[in-house]
């Protein structure tokens, strides 16, 4: 995937104006999904990872970039229909 594709995906996430905490949750959810070989993680594991991300304090735009990158990766490795039902809104 190209830098341009990731930039566009990150822009759409940024445009949704999620809270910082929500972005931490979304990133944690996607990281764990990939780490667990495309299996949905337990909420407690997501919460712990989201807290860790929050404590690291990455900039808002960096969170959007990482989420966009993971969204593209996951979409390329699952069906579109599956992707739309995987994660919290």
PDB file of N, CA and C in Angstrom:
ATOM      1  N   UNK A   1       0.849  -1.177   0.000  1.00  0.00           N
ATOM      2  CA  UNK A   1       0.000   0.000   0.000  1.00  0.00           C
ATOM      3  C   UNK A   1       0.891   1.235   0.000  1.00  0.00           C
ATOM      4  N   UNK A   2       0.408   2.237  -0.654  1.00  0.00           N
ATOM      5  CA  UNK A   2       1.222   3.437  -0.840  1.00  0.00           C
ATOM      6  C   UNK A   2       0.991   4.454   0.285  1.00  0.00           C
ATOM      7  N   UNK A   3       1.932   5.361   0.391  1.00  0.00           N
ATOM      8  CA  UNK A   3       1.814   6.451   1.355  1.00  0.00           C
ATOM      9  C   UNK A   3       0.567   7.281   1.068  1.00  0.00           C
ATOM     10  N   UNK A   4       0.270   7.470  -0.210  1.00  0.00           N
ATOM     11  CA  UNK A   4      -0.917   8.243  -0.595  1.00  0.00           C
ATOM     12  C   UNK A   4      -2.202   7.554  -0.119  1.00  0.00           C
ATOM     13  N   UNK A   5      -2.279   6.247  -0.278  1.00  0.00           N
ATOM     14  CA  UNK A   5      -3.458   5.502   0.181  1.00  0.00           C
ATOM     15  C   UNK A   5      -3.635   5.633   1.693  1.00  0.00           C
ATOM     16  N   UNK A   6      -2.533   5.523   2.414  1.00  0.00           N
ATOM     17  CA  UNK A   6      -2.598   5.641   3.873  1.00  0.00           C
ATOM     18  C   UNK A   6      -3.002   7.056   4.263  1.00  0.00           C
ATOM     19  N   UNK A   7      -2.459   8.056   3.573  1.00  0.00           N
ATOM     20  CA  UNK A   7      -2.825   9.452   3.860  1.00  0.00           C
ATOM     21  C   UNK A   7      -4.319   9.687   3.684  1.00  0.00           C
ATOM     22  N   UNK A   8      -4.884   9.133   2.633  1.00  0.00           N
ATOM     23  CA  UNK A   8      -6.319   9.290   2.383  1.00  0.00           C
ATOM     24  C   UNK A   8      -7.127   8.587   3.463  1.00  0.00           C
ATOM     25  N   UNK A   9      -6.731   7.369   3.803  1.00  0.00           N
ATOM     26  CA  UNK A   9      -7.431   6.629   4.858  1.00  0.00           C
ATOM     27  C   UNK A   9      -7.340   7.383   6.185  1.00  0.00           C
ATOM     28  N   UNK A  10      -6.170   7.924   6.487  1.00  0.00           N
ATOM     29  CA  UNK A  10      -5.980   8.683   7.732  1.00  0.00           C
ATOM     30  C   UNK A  10      -6.839   9.943   7.732  1.00  0.00           C
ATOM     31  N   UNK A  11      -6.950  10.587   6.578  1.00  0.00           N
ATOM     32  CA  UNK A  11      -7.781  11.792   6.478  1.00  0.00           C
ATOM     33  C   UNK A  11      -9.234  11.482   6.831  1.00  0.00           C
ATOM     34  N   UNK A  12      -9.758  10.386   6.306  1.00  0.00           N
ATOM     35  CA  UNK A  12     -11.151  10.037   6.595  1.00  0.00           C
ATOM     36  C   UNK A  12     -11.360   9.755   8.080  1.00  0.00           C
ATOM     37  N   UNK A  13     -10.389   9.154   8.718  1.00  0.00           N
ATOM     38  CA  UNK A  13     -10.492   8.910  10.164  1.00  0.00           C
ATOM     39  C   UNK A  13     -10.433  10.241  10.914  1.00  0.00           C
ATOM     40  N   UNK A  14      -9.503  11.092  10.534  1.00  0.00           N
ATOM     41  CA  UNK A  14      -9.377  12.413  11.161  1.00  0.00           C
ATOM     42  C   UNK A  14     -10.671  13.210  11.003  1.00  0.00           C
ATOM     43  N   UNK A  15     -11.280  13.115   9.829  1.00  0.00           N
ATOM     44  CA  UNK A  15     -12.497  13.871   9.513  1.00  0.00           C
ATOM     45  C   UNK A  15     -13.692  13.436  10.382  1.00  0.00           C
ATOM     46  N   UNK A  16     -13.661  12.234  10.921  1.00  0.00           N
ATOM     47  CA  UNK A  16     -14.745  11.753  11.792  1.00  0.00           C
ATOM     48  C   UNK A  16     -14.702  12.396  13.177  1.00  0.00           C
ATOM     49  N   UNK A  17     -13.598  13.053  13.495  1.00  0.00           N
ATOM     50  CA  UNK A  17     -13.433  13.804  14.746  1.00  0.00           C
ATOM     51  C   UNK A  17     -13.700  12.969  16.007  1.00  0.00           C
ATOM     52  N   UNK A  18     -13.122  11.781  16.036  1.00  0.00           N
ATOM     53  CA  UNK A  18     -13.227  10.940  17.230  1.00  0.00           C
ATOM     54  C   UNK A  18     -12.455  11.582  18.380  1.00  0.00           C
ATOM     55  N   UNK A  19     -12.851  11.266  19.581  1.00  0.00           N
ATOM     56  CA  UNK A  19     -12.074  11.710  20.738  1.00  0.00           C
ATOM     57  C   UNK A  19     -10.718  10.995  20.719  1.00  0.00           C
ATOM     58  N   UNK A  20      -9.773  11.568  21.429  1.00  0.00           N
ATOM     59  CA  UNK A  20      -8.444  10.954  21.526  1.00  0.00           C
ATOM     60  C   UNK A  20      -8.549   9.548  22.112  1.00  0.00           C
ATOM     61  N   UNK A  21      -9.375   9.403  23.140  1.00  0.00           N
ATOM     62  CA  UNK A  21      -9.557   8.108  23.793  1.00  0.00           C
ATOM     63  C   UNK A  21     -10.127   7.085  22.819  1.00  0.00           C
ATOM     64  N   UNK A  22     -11.078   7.509  21.997  1.00  0.00           N
ATOM     65  CA  UNK A  22     -11.687   6.613  21.007  1.00  0.00           C
ATOM     66  C   UNK A  22     -10.652   6.168  19.988  1.00  0.00           C
ATOM     67  N   UNK A  23      -9.786   7.077  19.553  1.00  0.00           N
ATOM     68  CA  UNK A  23      -8.740   6.691  18.608  1.00  0.00           C
ATOM     69  C   UNK A  23      -7.796   5.660  19.221  1.00  0.00           C
ATOM     70  N   UNK A  24      -7.474   5.824  20.490  1.00  0.00           N
ATOM     71  CA  UNK A  24      -6.620   4.842  21.169  1.00  0.00           C
ATOM     72  C   UNK A  24      -7.294   3.473  21.157  1.00  0.00           C
ATOM     73  N   UNK A  25      -8.604   3.458  21.407  1.00  0.00           N
ATOM     74  CA  UNK A  25      -9.369   2.207  21.399  1.00  0.00           C
ATOM     75  C   UNK A  25      -9.368   1.596  19.993  1.00  0.00           C
ATOM     76  N   UNK A  26      -9.632   2.412  18.977  1.00  0.00           N
ATOM     77  CA  UNK A  26      -9.687   1.909  17.602  1.00  0.00           C
ATOM     78  C   UNK A  26      -8.345   1.323  17.171  1.00  0.00           C
ATOM     79  N   UNK A  27      -7.260   1.988  17.542  1.00  0.00           N
ATOM     80  CA  UNK A  27      -5.937   1.477  17.197  1.00  0.00           C
ATOM     81  C   UNK A  27      -5.660   0.171  17.929  1.00  0.00           C
ATOM     82  N   UNK A  28      -5.966   0.125  19.207  1.00  0.00           N
ATOM     83  CA  UNK A  28      -5.744  -1.098  19.989  1.00  0.00           C
ATOM     84  C   UNK A  28      -6.525  -2.264  19.402  1.00  0.00           C
ATOM     85  N   UNK A  29      -7.768  -2.011  19.054  1.00  0.00           N
ATOM     86  CA  UNK A  29      -8.639  -3.034  18.485  1.00  0.00           C
ATOM     87  C   UNK A  29      -8.023  -3.634  17.218  1.00  0.00           C
ATOM     88  N   UNK A  30      -7.531  -2.786  16.357  1.00  0.00           N
ATOM     89  CA  UNK A  30      -6.961  -3.237  15.091  1.00  0.00           C
ATOM     90  C   UNK A  30      -5.597  -3.910  15.278  1.00  0.00           C
ATOM     91  N   UNK A  31      -4.763  -3.357  16.141  1.00  0.00           N
ATOM     92  CA  UNK A  31      -3.463  -3.987  16.399  1.00  0.00           C
ATOM     93  C   UNK A  31      -3.646  -5.411  16.909  1.00  0.00           C
ATOM     94  N   UNK A  32      -4.517  -5.571  17.875  1.00  0.00           N
ATOM     95  CA  UNK A  32      -4.724  -6.898  18.450  1.00  0.00           C
ATOM     96  C   UNK A  32      -5.365  -7.855  17.455  1.00  0.00           C
ATOM     97  N   UNK A  33      -6.246  -7.354  16.617  1.00  0.00           N
ATOM     98  CA  UNK A  33      -6.876  -8.194  15.599  1.00  0.00           C
ATOM     99  C   UNK A  33      -5.808  -8.793  14.679  1.00  0.00           C
ATOM    100  N   UNK A  34      -4.868  -7.975  14.256  1.00  0.00           N
ATOM    101  CA  UNK A  34      -3.795  -8.456  13.384  1.00  0.00           C
ATOM    102  C   UNK A  34      -2.850  -9.373  14.164  1.00  0.00           C
ATOM    103  N   UNK A  35      -2.471  -8.970  15.378  1.00  0.00           N
ATOM    104  CA  UNK A  35      -1.554  -9.777  16.189  1.00  0.00           C
ATOM    105  C   UNK A  35      -2.132 -11.146  16.515  1.00  0.00           C
ATOM    106  N   UNK A  36      -3.439 -11.226  16.655  1.00  0.00           N
ATOM    107  CA  UNK A  36      -4.096 -12.491  16.994  1.00  0.00           C
ATOM    108  C   UNK A  36      -4.529 -13.246  15.742  1.00  0.00           C
ATOM    109  N   UNK A  37      -3.820 -12.993  14.648  1.00  0.00           N
ATOM    110  CA  UNK A  37      -4.048 -13.702  13.396  1.00  0.00           C
ATOM    111  C   UNK A  37      -5.488 -13.569  12.909  1.00  0.00           C
ATOM    112  N   UNK A  38      -5.957 -12.334  12.868  1.00  0.00           N
ATOM    113  CA  UNK A  38      -7.280 -11.998  12.363  1.00  0.00           C
ATOM    114  C   UNK A  38      -8.400 -12.625  13.190  1.00  0.00           C
ATOM    115  N   UNK A  39      -8.214 -12.545  14.496  1.00  0.00           N
ATOM    116  CA  UNK A  39      -9.244 -12.956  15.456  1.00  0.00           C
ATOM    117  C   UNK A  39      -9.553 -11.764  16.350  1.00  0.00           C
ATOM    118  N   UNK A  40     -10.806 -11.621  16.698  1.00  0.00           N
ATOM    119  CA  UNK A  40     -11.219 -10.498  17.537  1.00  0.00           C
ATOM    120  C   UNK A  40     -10.715 -10.708  18.962  1.00  0.00           C
ATOM    121  N   UNK A  41     -10.116  -9.675  19.515  1.00  0.00           N
ATOM    122  CA  UNK A  41      -9.551  -9.735  20.868  1.00  0.00           C
ATOM    123  C   UNK A  41     -10.638  -9.519  21.916  1.00  0.00           C
ATOM    124  N   UNK A  42     -10.342  -9.931  23.129  1.00  0.00           N
ATOM    125  CA  UNK A  42     -11.251  -9.704  24.258  1.00  0.00           C
ATOM    126  C   UNK A  42     -11.246  -8.221  24.617  1.00  0.00           C
ATOM    127  N   UNK A  43     -12.380  -7.736  25.086  1.00  0.00           N
ATOM    128  CA  UNK A  43     -12.500  -6.316  25.443  1.00  0.00           C
ATOM    129  C   UNK A  43     -11.474  -5.905  26.495  1.00  0.00           C
ATOM    130  N   UNK A  44     -11.186  -6.783  27.440  1.00  0.00           N
ATOM    131  CA  UNK A  44     -10.193  -6.464  28.463  1.00  0.00           C
ATOM    132  C   UNK A  44      -8.810  -6.260  27.868  1.00  0.00           C
ATOM    133  N   UNK A  45      -8.458  -7.089  26.888  1.00  0.00           N
ATOM    134  CA  UNK A  45      -7.167  -6.937  26.213  1.00  0.00           C
ATOM    135  C   UNK A  45      -7.118  -5.637  25.416  1.00  0.00           C
ATOM    136  N   UNK A  46      -8.241  -5.316  24.764  1.00  0.00           N
ATOM    137  CA  UNK A  46      -8.308  -4.069  24.000  1.00  0.00           C
ATOM    138  C   UNK A  46      -8.182  -2.883  24.950  1.00  0.00           C
ATOM    139  N   UNK A  47      -8.885  -2.948  26.068  1.00  0.00           N
ATOM    140  CA  UNK A  47      -8.833  -1.863  27.051  1.00  0.00           C
ATOM    141  C   UNK A  47      -7.403  -1.652  27.547  1.00  0.00           C
ATOM    142  N   UNK A  48      -6.714  -2.744  27.864  1.00  0.00           N
ATOM    143  CA  UNK A  48      -5.336  -2.643  28.354  1.00  0.00           C
ATOM    144  C   UNK A  48      -4.416  -2.033  27.298  1.00  0.00           C
ATOM    145  N   UNK A  49      -4.567  -2.466  26.054  1.00  0.00           N
ATOM    146  CA  UNK A  49      -3.732  -1.929  24.976  1.00  0.00           C
ATOM    147  C   UNK A  49      -4.069  -0.457  24.730  1.00  0.00           C
ATOM    148  N   UNK A  50      -5.351  -0.124  24.741  1.00  0.00           N
ATOM    149  CA  UNK A  50      -5.763   1.270  24.526  1.00  0.00           C
ATOM    150  C   UNK A  50      -5.185   2.167  25.618  1.00  0.00           C
ATOM    151  N   UNK A  51      -5.179   1.684  26.843  1.00  0.00           N
ATOM    152  CA  UNK A  51      -4.609   2.451  27.953  1.00  0.00           C
ATOM    153  C   UNK A  51      -3.111   2.666  27.732  1.00  0.00           C
ATOM    154  N   UNK A  52      -2.424   1.624  27.286  1.00  0.00           N
ATOM    155  CA  UNK A  52      -0.989   1.726  27.010  1.00  0.00           C
ATOM    156  C   UNK A  52      -0.730   2.772  25.918  1.00  0.00           C
ATOM    157  N   UNK A  53      -1.519   2.714  24.847  1.00  0.00           N
ATOM    158  CA  UNK A  53      -1.376   3.681  23.754  1.00  0.00           C
ATOM    159  C   UNK A  53      -1.627   5.092  24.282  1.00  0.00           C
ATOM    160  N   UNK A  54      -2.680   5.245  25.070  1.00  0.00           N
ATOM    161  CA  UNK A  54      -3.031   6.551  25.638  1.00  0.00           C
ATOM    162  C   UNK A  54      -1.876   7.108  26.468  1.00  0.00           C
ATOM    163  N   UNK A  55      -1.267   6.258  27.286  1.00  0.00           N
ATOM    164  CA  UNK A  55      -0.156   6.695  28.142  1.00  0.00           C
ATOM    165  C   UNK A  55       1.078   7.080  27.319  1.00  0.00           C
ATOM    166  N   UNK A  56       1.236   6.475  26.143  1.00  0.00           N
ATOM    167  CA  UNK A  56       2.359   6.821  25.263  1.00  0.00           C
ATOM    168  C   UNK A  56       2.165   8.203  24.639  1.00  0.00           C
ATOM    169  N   UNK A  57       0.915   8.659  24.565  1.00  0.00           N
ATOM    170  CA  UNK A  57       0.558  10.003  24.110  1.00  0.00           C
ATOM    171  C   UNK A  57       1.010  10.338  22.681  1.00  0.00           C
ATOM    172  N   UNK A  58       0.741   9.441  21.710  1.00  0.00           N
ATOM    173  CA  UNK A  58       1.092   9.800  20.333  1.00  0.00           C
ATOM    174  C   UNK A  58       0.193  10.934  19.836  1.00  0.00           C
ATOM    175  N   UNK A  59       0.670  11.755  18.915  1.00  0.00           N
ATOM    176  CA  UNK A  59      -0.167  12.835  18.378  1.00  0.00           C
ATOM    177  C   UNK A  59      -1.423  12.284  17.692  1.00  0.00           C
ATOM    178  N   UNK A  60      -2.472  13.096  17.681  1.00  0.00           N
ATOM    179  CA  UNK A  60      -3.761  12.718  17.098  1.00  0.00           C
ATOM    180  C   UNK A  60      -3.592  12.243  15.655  1.00  0.00           C
ATOM    181  N   UNK A  61      -2.819  12.986  14.860  1.00  0.00           N
ATOM    182  CA  UNK A  61      -2.660  12.621  13.452  1.00  0.00           C
ATOM    183  C   UNK A  61      -1.894  11.315  13.274  1.00  0.00           C
ATOM    184  N   UNK A  62      -1.009  11.001  14.192  1.00  0.00           N
ATOM    185  CA  UNK A  62      -0.271   9.736  14.125  1.00  0.00           C
ATOM    186  C   UNK A  62      -1.220   8.571  14.405  1.00  0.00           C
ATOM    187  N   UNK A  63      -2.107   8.747  15.372  1.00  0.00           N
ATOM    188  CA  UNK A  63      -3.114   7.712  15.631  1.00  0.00           C
ATOM    189  C   UNK A  63      -3.960   7.474  14.378  1.00  0.00           C
ATOM    190  N   UNK A  64      -4.385   8.553  13.737  1.00  0.00           N
ATOM    191  CA  UNK A  64      -5.187   8.434  12.514  1.00  0.00           C
ATOM    192  C   UNK A  64      -4.410   7.690  11.427  1.00  0.00           C
ATOM    193  N   UNK A  65      -3.127   7.998  11.305  1.00  0.00           N
ATOM    194  CA  UNK A  65      -2.276   7.349  10.301  1.00  0.00           C
ATOM    195  C   UNK A  65      -2.186   5.847  10.565  1.00  0.00           C
ATOM    196  N   UNK A  66      -1.883   5.464  11.796  1.00  0.00           N
ATOM    197  CA  UNK A  66      -1.748   4.038  12.114  1.00  0.00           C
ATOM    198  C   UNK A  66      -3.064   3.291  11.932  1.00  0.00           C
ATOM    199  N   UNK A  67      -4.161   3.905  12.329  1.00  0.00           N
ATOM    200  CA  UNK A  67      -5.471   3.269  12.147  1.00  0.00           C
ATOM    201  C   UNK A  67      -5.767   3.123  10.655  1.00  0.00           C
ATOM    202  N   UNK A  68      -5.508   4.171   9.880  1.00  0.00           N
ATOM    203  CA  UNK A  68      -5.722   4.101   8.435  1.00  0.00           C
ATOM    204  C   UNK A  68      -4.892   3.008   7.791  1.00  0.00           C
ATOM    205  N   UNK A  69      -3.637   2.915   8.200  1.00  0.00           N
ATOM    206  CA  UNK A  69      -2.743   1.890   7.661  1.00  0.00           C
ATOM    207  C   UNK A  69      -3.258   0.492   7.995  1.00  0.00           C
ATOM    208  N   UNK A  70      -3.652   0.288   9.243  1.00  0.00           N
ATOM    209  CA  UNK A  70      -4.171  -1.022   9.635  1.00  0.00           C
ATOM    210  C   UNK A  70      -5.501  -1.326   8.951  1.00  0.00           C
ATOM    211  N   UNK A  71      -6.356  -0.320   8.799  1.00  0.00           N
ATOM    212  CA  UNK A  71      -7.618  -0.542   8.083  1.00  0.00           C
ATOM    213  C   UNK A  71      -7.357  -1.055   6.671  1.00  0.00           C
ATOM    214  N   UNK A  72      -6.431  -0.426   5.966  1.00  0.00           N
ATOM    215  CA  UNK A  72      -6.104  -0.862   4.609  1.00  0.00           C
ATOM    216  C   UNK A  72      -5.562  -2.287   4.608  1.00  0.00           C
ATOM    217  N   UNK A  73      -4.669  -2.577   5.538  1.00  0.00           N
ATOM    218  CA  UNK A  73      -4.088  -3.918   5.623  1.00  0.00           C
ATOM    219  C   UNK A  73      -5.165  -4.967   5.891  1.00  0.00           C
ATOM    220  N   UNK A  74      -6.035  -4.672   6.839  1.00  0.00           N
ATOM    221  CA  UNK A  74      -7.093  -5.623   7.193  1.00  0.00           C
ATOM    222  C   UNK A  74      -8.072  -5.787   6.033  1.00  0.00           C
ATOM    223  N   UNK A  75      -8.450  -4.691   5.400  1.00  0.00           N
ATOM    224  CA  UNK A  75      -9.378  -4.767   4.259  1.00  0.00           C
ATOM    225  C   UNK A  75      -8.807  -5.609   3.132  1.00  0.00           C
ATOM    226  N   UNK A  76      -7.512  -5.547   2.945  1.00  0.00           N
ATOM    227  CA  UNK A  76      -6.887  -6.333   1.873  1.00  0.00           C
ATOM    228  C   UNK A  76      -6.791  -7.812   2.222  1.00  0.00           C
ATOM    229  N   UNK A  77      -6.977  -8.126   3.482  1.00  0.00           N
ATOM    230  CA  UNK A  77      -6.862  -9.519   3.911  1.00  0.00           C
ATOM    231  C   UNK A  77      -8.176 -10.110   4.405  1.00  0.00           C
ATOM    232  N   UNK A  78      -9.257  -9.358   4.298  1.00  0.00           N
ATOM    233  CA  UNK A  78     -10.595  -9.846   4.639  1.00  0.00           C
ATOM    234  C   UNK A  78     -11.562  -9.291   3.600  1.00  0.00           C
ATOM    235  N   UNK A  79     -12.771  -9.788   3.613  1.00  0.00           N
ATOM    236  CA  UNK A  79     -13.766  -9.241   2.689  1.00  0.00           C
ATOM    237  C   UNK A  79     -14.264  -7.899   3.216  1.00  0.00           C
ATOM    238  N   UNK A  80     -14.760  -7.062   2.321  1.00  0.00           N
ATOM    239  CA  UNK A  80     -15.274  -5.743   2.707  1.00  0.00           C
ATOM    240  C   UNK A  80     -16.421  -5.894   3.699  1.00  0.00           C
ATOM    241  N   UNK A  81     -17.307  -6.839   3.449  1.00  0.00           N
ATOM    242  CA  UNK A  81     -18.444  -7.068   4.342  1.00  0.00           C
ATOM    243  C   UNK A  81     -17.954  -7.442   5.741  1.00  0.00           C
ATOM    244  N   UNK A  82     -16.965  -8.309   5.806  1.00  0.00           N
ATOM    245  CA  UNK A  82     -16.416  -8.715   7.097  1.00  0.00           C
ATOM    246  C   UNK A  82     -15.817  -7.521   7.826  1.00  0.00           C
ATOM    247  N   UNK A  83     -15.051  -6.703   7.133  1.00  0.00           N
ATOM    248  CA  UNK A  83     -14.401  -5.554   7.761  1.00  0.00           C
ATOM    249  C   UNK A  83     -15.420  -4.637   8.417  1.00  0.00           C
ATOM    250  N   UNK A  84     -16.514  -4.391   7.747  1.00  0.00           N
ATOM    251  CA  UNK A  84     -17.522  -3.463   8.258  1.00  0.00           C
ATOM    252  C   UNK A  84     -18.244  -3.966   9.495  1.00  0.00           C
ATOM    253  N   UNK A  85     -18.101  -5.228   9.829  1.00  0.00           N
ATOM    254  CA  UNK A  85     -18.750  -5.761  11.030  1.00  0.00           C
ATOM    255  C   UNK A  85     -17.759  -6.113  12.137  1.00  0.00           C
ATOM    256  N   UNK A  86     -16.483  -5.925  11.897  1.00  0.00           N
ATOM    257  CA  UNK A  86     -15.463  -6.355  12.857  1.00  0.00           C
ATOM    258  C   UNK A  86     -15.314  -5.458  14.072  1.00  0.00           C
ATOM    259  N   UNK A  87     -15.325  -4.166  13.853  1.00  0.00           N
ATOM    260  CA  UNK A  87     -14.892  -3.245  14.885  1.00  0.00           C
ATOM    261  C   UNK A  87     -16.007  -2.340  15.360  1.00  0.00           C
ATOM    262  N   UNK A  88     -15.788  -1.786  16.552  1.00  0.00           N
ATOM    263  CA  UNK A  88     -16.756  -0.843  17.108  1.00  0.00           C
ATOM    264  C   UNK A  88     -16.799   0.412  16.255  1.00  0.00           C
ATOM    265  N   UNK A  89     -17.899   1.081  16.325  1.00  0.00           N
ATOM    266  CA  UNK A  89     -18.093   2.309  15.532  1.00  0.00           C
ATOM    267  C   UNK A  89     -17.763   3.525  16.350  1.00  0.00           C
TER     268      UNK A  89
END
